[in-house]
All heavy atoms as atom14 arrays in JSON, in Angstrom:
{
  "sequence": "GTSFANASYDFSQQRFANVRAQRDAENRAATQIANDVRTKVAAFLAT",
  "atom14_mask": [
    [1, 1, 1, 1, 0, 0, 0, 0, 0, 0, 0, 0, 0, 0],
    [1, 1, 1, 1, 1, 1, 1, 0, 0, 0, 0, 0, 0, 0],
    [1, 1, 1, 1, 1, 1, 0, 0, 0, 0, 0, 0, 0, 0],
    [1, 1, 1, 1, 1, 1, 1, 1, 1, 1, 1, 0, 0, 0],
    [1, 1, 1, 1, 1, 0, 0, 0, 0, 0, 0, 0, 0, 0],
    [1, 1, 1, 1, 1, 1, 1, 1, 0, 0, 0, 0, 0, 0],
    [1, 1, 1, 1, 1, 0, 0, 0, 0, 0, 0, 0, 0, 0],
    [1, 1, 1, 1, 1, 1, 0, 0, 0, 0, 0, 0, 0, 0],
    [1, 1, 1, 1, 1, 1, 1, 1, 1, 1, 1, 1, 0, 0],
    [1, 1, 1, 1, 1, 1, 1, 1, 0, 0, 0, 0, 0, 0],
    [1, 1, 1, 1, 1, 1, 1, 1, 1, 1, 1, 0, 0, 0],
    [1, 1, 1, 1, 1, 1, 0, 0, 0, 0, 0, 0, 0, 0],
    [1, 1, 1, 1, 1, 1, 1, 1, 1, 0, 0, 0, 0, 0],
    [1, 1, 1, 1, 1, 1, 1, 1, 1, 0, 0, 0, 0, 0],
    [1, 1, 1, 1, 1, 1, 1, 1, 1, 1, 1, 0, 0, 0],
    [1, 1, 1, 1, 1, 1, 1, 1, 1, 1, 1, 0, 0, 0],
    [1, 1, 1, 1, 1, 0, 0, 0, 0, 0, 0, 0, 0, 0],
    [1, 1, 1, 1, 1, 1, 1, 1, 0, 0, 0, 0, 0, 0],
    [1, 1, 1, 1, 1, 1, 1, 0, 0, 0, 0, 0, 0, 0],
    [1, 1, 1, 1, 1, 1, 1, 1, 1, 1, 1, 0, 0, 0],
    [1, 1, 1, 1, 1, 0, 0, 0, 0, 0, 0, 0, 0, 0],
    [1, 1, 1, 1, 1, 1, 1, 1, 1, 0, 0, 0, 0, 0],
    [1, 1, 1, 1, 1, 1, 1, 1, 1, 1, 1, 0, 0, 0],
    [1, 1, 1, 1, 1, 1, 1, 1, 0, 0, 0, 0, 0, 0],
    [1, 1, 1, 1, 1, 0, 0, 0, 0, 0, 0, 0, 0, 0],
    [1, 1, 1, 1, 1, 1, 1, 1, 1, 0, 0, 0, 0, 0],
    [1, 1, 1, 1, 1, 1, 1, 1, 0, 0, 0, 0, 0, 0],
    [1, 1, 1, 1, 1, 1, 1, 1, 1, 1, 1, 0, 0, 0],
    [1, 1, 1, 1, 1, 0, 0, 0, 0, 0, 0, 0, 0, 0],
    [1, 1, 1, 1, 1, 0, 0, 0, 0, 0, 0, 0, 0, 0],
    [1, 1, 1, 1, 1, 1, 1, 0, 0, 0, 0, 0, 0, 0],
    [1, 1, 1, 1, 1, 1, 1, 1, 1, 0, 0, 0, 0, 0],
    [1, 1, 1, 1, 1, 1, 1, 1, 0, 0, 0, 0, 0, 0],
    [1, 1, 1, 1, 1, 0, 0, 0, 0, 0, 0, 0, 0, 0],
    [1, 1, 1, 1, 1, 1, 1, 1, 0, 0, 0, 0, 0, 0],
    [1, 1, 1, 1, 1, 1, 1, 1, 0, 0, 0, 0, 0, 0],
    [1, 1, 1, 1, 1, 1, 1, 0, 0, 0, 0, 0, 0, 0],
    [1, 1, 1, 1, 1, 1, 1, 1, 1, 1, 1, 0, 0, 0],
    [1, 1, 1, 1, 1, 1, 1, 0, 0, 0, 0, 0, 0, 0],
    [1, 1, 1, 1, 1, 1, 1, 1, 1, 0, 0, 0, 0, 0],
    [1, 1, 1, 1, 1, 1, 1, 0, 0, 0, 0, 0, 0, 0],
    [1, 1, 1, 1, 1, 0, 0, 0, 0, 0, 0, 0, 0, 0],
    [1, 1, 1, 1, 1, 0, 0, 0, 0, 0, 0, 0, 0, 0],
    [1, 1, 1, 1, 1, 1, 1, 1, 1, 1, 1, 0, 0, 0],
    [1, 1, 1, 1, 1, 1, 1, 1, 0, 0, 0, 0, 0, 0],
    [1, 1, 1, 1, 1, 0, 0, 0, 0, 0, 0, 0, 0, 0],
    [1, 1, 1, 1, 1, 1, 1, 0, 0, 0, 0, 0, 0, 0]
  ],
  "atom14_positions": [
    [[14.96, -6.92, 5.83], [13.61, -7.12, 6.33], [12.61, -7.23, 5.21], [12.95, -7.05, 4.03], [0.0, 0.0, 0.0], [0.0, 0.0, 0.0], [0.0, 0.0, 0.0], [0.0, 0.0, 0.0], [0.0, 0.0, 0.0], [0.0, 0.0, 0.0], [0.0, 0.0, 0.0], [0.0, 0.0, 0.0], [0.0, 0.0, 0.0], [0.0, 0.0, 0.0]],
    [[11.38, -7.52, 5.58], [10.29, -7.6, 4.62], [9.07, -6.91, 5.2], [8.96, -6.71, 6.41], [9.92, -9.07, 4.3], [9.53, -9.71, 5.51], [11.07, -9.8, 3.64], [0.0, 0.0, 0.0], [0.0, 0.0, 0.0], [0.0, 0.0, 0.0], [0.0, 0.0, 0.0], [0.0, 0.0, 0.0], [0.0, 0.0, 0.0], [0.0, 0.0, 0.0]],
    [[8.18, -6.56, 4.3], [6.9, -5.97, 4.68], [5.88, -6.35, 3.62], [6.24, -6.6, 2.47], [7.03, -4.45, 4.79], [5.81, -3.88, 5.19], [0.0, 0.0, 0.0], [0.0, 0.0, 0.0], [0.0, 0.0, 0.0], [0.0, 0.0, 0.0], [0.0, 0.0, 0.0], [0.0, 0.0, 0.0], [0.0, 0.0, 0.0], [0.0, 0.0, 0.0]],
    [[4.63, -6.38, 4.0], [3.57, -6.65, 3.02], [2.33, -5.87, 3.4], [2.15, -5.47, 4.55], [3.26, -8.15, 2.94], [2.51, -8.67, 4.12], [1.13, -8.74, 4.11], [3.19, -9.09, 5.26], [0.43, -9.21, 5.22], [2.51, -9.57, 6.37], [1.13, -9.62, 6.34], [0.0, 0.0, 0.0], [0.0, 0.0, 0.0], [0.0, 0.0, 0.0]],
    [[1.48, -5.65, 2.41], [0.19, -4.99, 2.63], [-0.8, -5.44, 1.57], [-0.42, -5.77, 0.45], [0.37, -3.47, 2.59], [0.0, 0.0, 0.0], [0.0, 0.0, 0.0], [0.0, 0.0, 0.0], [0.0, 0.0, 0.0], [0.0, 0.0, 0.0], [0.0, 0.0, 0.0], [0.0, 0.0, 0.0], [0.0, 0.0, 0.0], [0.0, 0.0, 0.0]],
    [[-2.07, -5.44, 1.95], [-3.16, -5.79, 1.04], [-4.17, -4.66, 1.05], [-4.39, -4.01, 2.08], [-3.87, -7.07, 1.5], [-2.97, -8.27, 1.49], [-2.14, -8.42, 0.6], [-3.12, -9.13, 2.48], [0.0, 0.0, 0.0], [0.0, 0.0, 0.0], [0.0, 0.0, 0.0], [0.0, 0.0, 0.0], [0.0, 0.0, 0.0], [0.0, 0.0, 0.0]],
    [[-4.8, -4.44, -0.08], [-5.9, -3.48, -0.19], [-6.86, -3.98, -1.26], [-6.42, -4.47, -2.3], [-5.38, -2.09, -0.54], [0.0, 0.0, 0.0], [0.0, 0.0, 0.0], [0.0, 0.0, 0.0], [0.0, 0.0, 0.0], [0.0, 0.0, 0.0], [0.0, 0.0, 0.0], [0.0, 0.0, 0.0], [0.0, 0.0, 0.0], [0.0, 0.0, 0.0]],
    [[-8.14, -3.85, -1.01], [-9.13, -4.34, -1.98], [-9.78, -3.17, -2.71], [-9.74, -2.03, -2.25], [-10.19, -5.18, -1.28], [-10.9, -4.39, -0.36], [0.0, 0.0, 0.0], [0.0, 0.0, 0.0], [0.0, 0.0, 0.0], [0.0, 0.0, 0.0], [0.0, 0.0, 0.0], [0.0, 0.0, 0.0], [0.0, 0.0, 0.0], [0.0, 0.0, 0.0]],
    [[-10.36, -3.5, -3.85], [-11.14, -2.51, -4.59], [-12.26, -3.21, -5.36], [-12.15, -4.37, -5.72], [-10.27, -1.66, -5.52], [-9.63, -2.4, -6.68], [-10.22, -2.43, -7.94], [-8.41, -3.06, -6.51], [-9.62, -3.09, -9.0], [-7.81, -3.73, -7.57], [-8.42, -3.73, -8.81], [-7.83, -4.4, -9.85], [0.0, 0.0, 0.0], [0.0, 0.0, 0.0]],
    [[-13.35, -2.48, -5.55], [-14.49, -3.01, -6.29], [-14.25, -2.88, -7.79], [-13.65, -1.92, -8.26], [-15.77, -2.26, -5.92], [-16.2, -2.52, -4.49], [-15.86, -3.61, -3.97], [-16.86, -1.65, -3.9], [0.0, 0.0, 0.0], [0.0, 0.0, 0.0], [0.0, 0.0, 0.0], [0.0, 0.0, 0.0], [0.0, 0.0, 0.0], [0.0, 0.0, 0.0]],
    [[-14.74, -3.85, -8.52], [-14.61, -3.89, -9.97], [-15.97, -3.53, -10.58], [-17.01, -4.0, -10.11], [-14.19, -5.3, -10.4], [-13.82, -5.42, -11.85], [-12.58, -5.01, -12.29], [-14.71, -5.95, -12.76], [-12.22, -5.13, -13.63], [-14.38, -6.08, -14.1], [-13.13, -5.67, -14.53], [0.0, 0.0, 0.0], [0.0, 0.0, 0.0], [0.0, 0.0, 0.0]],
    [[-15.96, -2.7, -11.61], [-17.22, -2.3, -12.25], [-17.13, -2.5, -13.76], [-16.11, -2.95, -14.28], [-17.53, -0.84, -11.93], [-16.68, 0.01, -12.68], [0.0, 0.0, 0.0], [0.0, 0.0, 0.0], [0.0, 0.0, 0.0], [0.0, 0.0, 0.0], [0.0, 0.0, 0.0], [0.0, 0.0, 0.0], [0.0, 0.0, 0.0], [0.0, 0.0, 0.0]],
    [[-18.19, -2.1, -14.45], [-18.22, -2.21, -15.9], [-17.49, -1.03, -16.57], [-17.32, -1.03, -17.78], [-19.68, -2.24, -16.39], [-20.45, -3.44, -15.9], [-19.87, -4.76, -16.39], [-19.35, -4.85, -17.48], [-19.95, -5.79, -15.56], [0.0, 0.0, 0.0], [0.0, 0.0, 0.0], [0.0, 0.0, 0.0], [0.0, 0.0, 0.0], [0.0, 0.0, 0.0]],
    [[-17.06, -0.06, -15.81], [-16.39, 1.12, -16.35], [-14.88, 0.96, -16.26], [-14.33, 0.86, -15.17], [-16.83, 2.37, -15.61], [-18.31, 2.63, -15.74], [-18.75, 3.83, -14.94], [-17.97, 4.43, -14.22], [-20.02, 4.19, -15.07], [0.0, 0.0, 0.0], [0.0, 0.0, 0.0], [0.0, 0.0, 0.0], [0.0, 0.0, 0.0], [0.0, 0.0, 0.0]],
    [[-14.25, 0.93, -17.4], [-12.81, 0.66, -17.46], [-11.99, 1.71, -16.7], [-11.1, 1.37, -15.93], [-12.35, 0.58, -18.91], [-10.94, 0.05, -19.04], [-10.59, -0.11, -20.47], [-10.19, 1.19, -20.99], [-9.4, 1.36, -22.02], [-8.96, 0.34, -22.69], [-9.06, 2.55, -22.41], [0.0, 0.0, 0.0], [0.0, 0.0, 0.0], [0.0, 0.0, 0.0]],
    [[-12.27, 2.99, -16.91], [-11.51, 4.04, -16.23], [-11.68, 3.96, -14.72], [-10.73, 4.13, -13.95], [-11.92, 5.43, -16.73], [-11.14, 6.53, -16.08], [-9.81, 6.75, -16.42], [-11.72, 7.32, -15.11], [-9.08, 7.75, -15.8], [-11.0, 8.33, -14.49], [-9.68, 8.55, -14.84], [0.0, 0.0, 0.0], [0.0, 0.0, 0.0], [0.0, 0.0, 0.0]],
    [[-12.91, 3.68, -14.27], [-13.15, 3.54, -12.83], [-12.33, 2.4, -12.25], [-11.81, 2.49, -11.13], [-14.64, 3.33, -12.56], [0.0, 0.0, 0.0], [0.0, 0.0, 0.0], [0.0, 0.0, 0.0], [0.0, 0.0, 0.0], [0.0, 0.0, 0.0], [0.0, 0.0, 0.0], [0.0, 0.0, 0.0], [0.0, 0.0, 0.0], [0.0, 0.0, 0.0]],
    [[-12.18, 1.32, -13.01], [-11.39, 0.18, -12.54], [-9.91, 0.53, -12.42], [-9.24, 0.14, -11.47], [-11.56, -1.02, -13.48], [-12.96, -1.58, -13.42], [-13.63, -1.49, -12.41], [-13.41, -2.15, -14.52], [0.0, 0.0, 0.0], [0.0, 0.0, 0.0], [0.0, 0.0, 0.0], [0.0, 0.0, 0.0], [0.0, 0.0, 0.0], [0.0, 0.0, 0.0]],
    [[-9.4, 1.27, -13.41], [-8.0, 1.69, -13.36], [-7.76, 2.58, -12.15], [-6.78, 2.4, -11.41], [-7.6, 2.41, -14.67], [-6.23, 3.06, -14.55], [-7.62, 1.44, -15.84], [0.0, 0.0, 0.0], [0.0, 0.0, 0.0], [0.0, 0.0, 0.0], [0.0, 0.0, 0.0], [0.0, 0.0, 0.0], [0.0, 0.0, 0.0], [0.0, 0.0, 0.0]],
    [[-8.64, 3.54, -11.92], [-8.48, 4.45, -10.77], [-8.62, 3.7, -9.46], [-7.89, 3.96, -8.5], [-9.5, 5.59, -10.84], [-9.25, 6.6, -11.91], [-7.87, 7.26, -11.85], [-7.49, 7.63, -10.51], [-6.23, 7.78, -10.11], [-5.24, 7.58, -10.94], [-5.97, 8.13, -8.88], [0.0, 0.0, 0.0], [0.0, 0.0, 0.0], [0.0, 0.0, 0.0]],
    [[-9.56, 2.77, -9.38], [-9.76, 2.0, -8.15], [-8.54, 1.14, -7.85], [-8.11, 1.05, -6.69], [-11.01, 1.13, -8.27], [0.0, 0.0, 0.0], [0.0, 0.0, 0.0], [0.0, 0.0, 0.0], [0.0, 0.0, 0.0], [0.0, 0.0, 0.0], [0.0, 0.0, 0.0], [0.0, 0.0, 0.0], [0.0, 0.0, 0.0], [0.0, 0.0, 0.0]],
    [[-7.95, 0.53, -8.88], [-6.75, -0.27, -8.67], [-5.59, 0.6, -8.21], [-4.87, 0.25, -7.28], [-6.36, -1.02, -9.94], [-5.12, -1.88, -9.73], [-4.74, -2.69, -10.96], [-5.42, -2.66, -11.99], [-3.66, -3.45, -10.85], [0.0, 0.0, 0.0], [0.0, 0.0, 0.0], [0.0, 0.0, 0.0], [0.0, 0.0, 0.0], [0.0, 0.0, 0.0]],
    [[-5.4, 1.76, -8.84], [-4.32, 2.66, -8.42], [-4.51, 3.13, -6.99], [-3.55, 3.23, -6.23], [-4.23, 3.86, -9.35], [-3.58, 3.51, -10.64], [-2.69, 4.62, -11.11], [-2.03, 4.2, -12.32], [-1.93, 4.93, -13.4], [-2.42, 6.14, -13.41], [-1.31, 4.46, -14.46], [0.0, 0.0, 0.0], [0.0, 0.0, 0.0], [0.0, 0.0, 0.0]],
    [[-5.73, 3.44, -6.62], [-6.01, 3.87, -5.25], [-5.66, 2.76, -4.27], [-5.04, 3.01, -3.23], [-7.48, 4.28, -5.11], [-7.81, 4.72, -3.7], [-7.19, 5.7, -3.22], [-8.68, 4.08, -3.07], [0.0, 0.0, 0.0], [0.0, 0.0, 0.0], [0.0, 0.0, 0.0], [0.0, 0.0, 0.0], [0.0, 0.0, 0.0], [0.0, 0.0, 0.0]],
    [[-6.03, 1.53, -4.59], [-5.71, 0.4, -3.71], [-4.19, 0.2, -3.63], [-3.64, -0.04, -2.54], [-6.39, -0.87, -4.21], [0.0, 0.0, 0.0], [0.0, 0.0, 0.0], [0.0, 0.0, 0.0], [0.0, 0.0, 0.0], [0.0, 0.0, 0.0], [0.0, 0.0, 0.0], [0.0, 0.0, 0.0], [0.0, 0.0, 0.0], [0.0, 0.0, 0.0]],
    [[-3.49, 0.32, -4.76], [-2.03, 0.2, -4.75], [-1.4, 1.3, -3.9], [-0.46, 1.04, -3.14], [-1.49, 0.28, -6.18], [-1.8, -0.93, -7.02], [-1.51, -0.72, -8.5], [-1.27, 0.42, -8.92], [-1.51, -1.73, -9.24], [0.0, 0.0, 0.0], [0.0, 0.0, 0.0], [0.0, 0.0, 0.0], [0.0, 0.0, 0.0], [0.0, 0.0, 0.0]],
    [[-1.92, 2.52, -4.01], [-1.38, 3.64, -3.23], [-1.61, 3.43, -1.73], [-0.72, 3.72, -0.92], [-2.0, 4.96, -3.68], [-1.54, 5.37, -5.06], [-0.58, 4.83, -5.6], [-2.25, 6.31, -5.65], [0.0, 0.0, 0.0], [0.0, 0.0, 0.0], [0.0, 0.0, 0.0], [0.0, 0.0, 0.0], [0.0, 0.0, 0.0], [0.0, 0.0, 0.0]],
    [[-2.79, 2.93, -1.36], [-3.06, 2.66, 0.05], [-2.11, 1.59, 0.6], [-1.57, 1.73, 1.7], [-4.51, 2.23, 0.25], [-5.5, 3.38, 0.12], [-6.93, 2.96, 0.4], [-7.47, 2.31, -0.8], [-8.08, 1.14, -0.8], [-8.24, 0.46, 0.3], [-8.54, 0.63, -1.93], [0.0, 0.0, 0.0], [0.0, 0.0, 0.0], [0.0, 0.0, 0.0]],
    [[-1.9, 0.54, -0.17], [-0.99, -0.53, 0.26], [0.45, -0.02, 0.32], [1.21, -0.36, 1.23], [-1.11, -1.73, -0.67], [0.0, 0.0, 0.0], [0.0, 0.0, 0.0], [0.0, 0.0, 0.0], [0.0, 0.0, 0.0], [0.0, 0.0, 0.0], [0.0, 0.0, 0.0], [0.0, 0.0, 0.0], [0.0, 0.0, 0.0], [0.0, 0.0, 0.0]],
    [[0.84, 0.82, -0.64], [2.21, 1.38, -0.66], [2.44, 2.23, 0.58], [3.53, 2.18, 1.18], [2.43, 2.19, -1.93], [0.0, 0.0, 0.0], [0.0, 0.0, 0.0], [0.0, 0.0, 0.0], [0.0, 0.0, 0.0], [0.0, 0.0, 0.0], [0.0, 0.0, 0.0], [0.0, 0.0, 0.0], [0.0, 0.0, 0.0], [0.0, 0.0, 0.0]],
    [[1.46, 3.02, 0.97], [1.59, 3.85, 2.18], [1.74, 2.98, 3.42], [2.55, 3.28, 4.31], [0.39, 4.8, 2.3], [0.37, 5.66, 1.16], [0.46, 5.63, 3.57], [0.0, 0.0, 0.0], [0.0, 0.0, 0.0], [0.0, 0.0, 0.0], [0.0, 0.0, 0.0], [0.0, 0.0, 0.0], [0.0, 0.0, 0.0], [0.0, 0.0, 0.0]],
    [[1.0, 1.88, 3.49], [1.13, 0.97, 4.63], [2.53, 0.38, 4.69], [3.14, 0.29, 5.78], [0.1, -0.16, 4.53], [-1.32, 0.27, 4.77], [-2.31, -0.88, 4.57], [-1.93, -1.99, 4.19], [-3.57, -0.6, 4.8], [0.0, 0.0, 0.0], [0.0, 0.0, 0.0], [0.0, 0.0, 0.0], [0.0, 0.0, 0.0], [0.0, 0.0, 0.0]],
    [[3.05, -0.03, 3.55], [4.41, -0.6, 3.52], [5.43, 0.46, 3.92], [6.34, 0.18, 4.71], [4.73, -1.19, 2.13], [3.99, -2.52, 1.99], [6.23, -1.38, 1.94], [4.23, -3.22, 0.68], [0.0, 0.0, 0.0], [0.0, 0.0, 0.0], [0.0, 0.0, 0.0], [0.0, 0.0, 0.0], [0.0, 0.0, 0.0], [0.0, 0.0, 0.0]],
    [[5.31, 1.66, 3.39], [6.26, 2.73, 3.74], [6.26, 2.99, 5.24], [7.32, 3.15, 5.85], [5.93, 4.0, 2.97], [0.0, 0.0, 0.0], [0.0, 0.0, 0.0], [0.0, 0.0, 0.0], [0.0, 0.0, 0.0], [0.0, 0.0, 0.0], [0.0, 0.0, 0.0], [0.0, 0.0, 0.0], [0.0, 0.0, 0.0], [0.0, 0.0, 0.0]],
    [[5.08, 3.04, 5.85], [5.0, 3.26, 7.29], [5.66, 2.12, 8.07], [6.37, 2.36, 9.05], [3.55, 3.43, 7.73], [2.94, 4.73, 7.26], [3.64, 5.7, 6.99], [1.62, 4.75, 7.13], [0.0, 0.0, 0.0], [0.0, 0.0, 0.0], [0.0, 0.0, 0.0], [0.0, 0.0, 0.0], [0.0, 0.0, 0.0], [0.0, 0.0, 0.0]],
    [[5.44, 0.9, 7.63], [6.03, -0.26, 8.3], [7.55, -0.27, 8.17], [8.27, -0.47, 9.15], [5.42, -1.54, 7.73], [5.9, -2.78, 8.47], [5.8, -2.82, 9.71], [6.39, -3.71, 7.79], [0.0, 0.0, 0.0], [0.0, 0.0, 0.0], [0.0, 0.0, 0.0], [0.0, 0.0, 0.0], [0.0, 0.0, 0.0], [0.0, 0.0, 0.0]],
    [[8.05, -0.05, 6.95], [9.5, -0.04, 6.73], [10.14, 1.1, 7.52], [11.18, 0.91, 8.16], [9.83, 0.07, 5.22], [11.31, 0.32, 5.0], [9.38, -1.19, 4.5], [0.0, 0.0, 0.0], [0.0, 0.0, 0.0], [0.0, 0.0, 0.0], [0.0, 0.0, 0.0], [0.0, 0.0, 0.0], [0.0, 0.0, 0.0], [0.0, 0.0, 0.0]],
    [[9.54, 2.27, 7.51], [10.08, 3.41, 8.26], [10.19, 3.07, 9.75], [11.2, 3.35, 10.39], [9.19, 4.63, 8.09], [9.67, 5.82, 8.89], [8.71, 6.99, 8.73], [9.1, 8.1, 9.57], [8.6, 8.34, 10.77], [7.69, 7.53, 11.28], [9.0, 9.37, 11.47], [0.0, 0.0, 0.0], [0.0, 0.0, 0.0], [0.0, 0.0, 0.0]],
    [[9.15, 2.46, 10.3], [9.16, 2.1, 11.71], [10.27, 1.09, 12.01], [11.0, 1.23, 13.01], [7.8, 1.52, 12.13], [6.79, 2.51, 11.89], [7.78, 1.1, 13.59], [0.0, 0.0, 0.0], [0.0, 0.0, 0.0], [0.0, 0.0, 0.0], [0.0, 0.0, 0.0], [0.0, 0.0, 0.0], [0.0, 0.0, 0.0], [0.0, 0.0, 0.0]],
    [[10.42, 0.09, 11.16], [11.46, -0.93, 11.38], [12.86, -0.34, 11.28], [13.73, -0.64, 12.1], [11.29, -2.07, 10.38], [10.07, -2.93, 10.64], [9.86, -3.98, 9.56], [8.64, -4.84, 9.87], [8.37, -5.81, 8.82], [0.0, 0.0, 0.0], [0.0, 0.0, 0.0], [0.0, 0.0, 0.0], [0.0, 0.0, 0.0], [0.0, 0.0, 0.0]],
    [[13.08, 0.51, 10.28], [14.42, 1.13, 10.1], [14.7, 2.09, 11.25], [15.8, 2.1, 11.8], [14.52, 1.83, 8.73], [15.76, 2.69, 8.64], [14.5, 0.8, 7.62], [0.0, 0.0, 0.0], [0.0, 0.0, 0.0], [0.0, 0.0, 0.0], [0.0, 0.0, 0.0], [0.0, 0.0, 0.0], [0.0, 0.0, 0.0], [0.0, 0.0, 0.0]],
    [[13.72, 2.9, 11.63], [13.91, 3.85, 12.73], [14.2, 3.13, 14.05], [15.09, 3.55, 14.8], [12.69, 4.74, 12.87], [0.0, 0.0, 0.0], [0.0, 0.0, 0.0], [0.0, 0.0, 0.0], [0.0, 0.0, 0.0], [0.0, 0.0, 0.0], [0.0, 0.0, 0.0], [0.0, 0.0, 0.0], [0.0, 0.0, 0.0], [0.0, 0.0, 0.0]],
    [[13.49, 2.04, 14.3], [13.75, 1.26, 15.52], [15.15, 0.68, 15.51], [15.85, 0.69, 16.52], [12.7, 0.16, 15.67], [0.0, 0.0, 0.0], [0.0, 0.0, 0.0], [0.0, 0.0, 0.0], [0.0, 0.0, 0.0], [0.0, 0.0, 0.0], [0.0, 0.0, 0.0], [0.0, 0.0, 0.0], [0.0, 0.0, 0.0], [0.0, 0.0, 0.0]],
    [[15.57, 0.16, 14.35], [16.91, -0.39, 14.25], [17.97, 0.68, 14.5], [18.91, 0.48, 15.29], [17.13, -1.02, 12.87], [18.54, -1.48, 12.65], [18.97, -2.69, 13.16], [19.45, -0.69, 11.97], [20.29, -3.11, 12.99], [20.75, -1.09, 11.79], [21.18, -2.3, 12.29], [0.0, 0.0, 0.0], [0.0, 0.0, 0.0], [0.0, 0.0, 0.0]],
    [[17.82, 1.83, 13.85], [18.81, 2.9, 14.02], [18.83, 3.46, 15.43], [19.87, 3.82, 15.94], [18.55, 4.02, 13.0], [18.79, 3.64, 11.53], [18.38, 4.77, 10.6], [20.24, 3.25, 11.29], [0.0, 0.0, 0.0], [0.0, 0.0, 0.0], [0.0, 0.0, 0.0], [0.0, 0.0, 0.0], [0.0, 0.0, 0.0], [0.0, 0.0, 0.0]],
    [[17.68, 3.52, 16.06], [17.59, 4.04, 17.43], [18.28, 3.12, 18.43], [18.85, 3.59, 19.41], [16.13, 4.26, 17.84], [0.0, 0.0, 0.0], [0.0, 0.0, 0.0], [0.0, 0.0, 0.0], [0.0, 0.0, 0.0], [0.0, 0.0, 0.0], [0.0, 0.0, 0.0], [0.0, 0.0, 0.0], [0.0, 0.0, 0.0], [0.0, 0.0, 0.0]],
    [[18.23, 1.83, 18.17], [18.82, 0.88, 19.12], [20.26, 0.51, 18.79], [20.94, -0.11, 19.6], [17.99, -0.42, 19.19], [17.91, -1.01, 17.89], [16.6, -0.13, 19.71], [0.0, 0.0, 0.0], [0.0, 0.0, 0.0], [0.0, 0.0, 0.0], [0.0, 0.0, 0.0], [0.0, 0.0, 0.0], [0.0, 0.0, 0.0], [0.0, 0.0, 0.0]]
  ]
}
């Protein structure tokens, strides 16, 4: 199977803020993918 997720973040003049904002967006998208994959695998195993 496949899964995808998107998350946006604002870009500023502060380098550290940009790194943290990007990581936060990546973490939010990763959580969405994990939830989707878990649901697909659980449904498959249940049936």
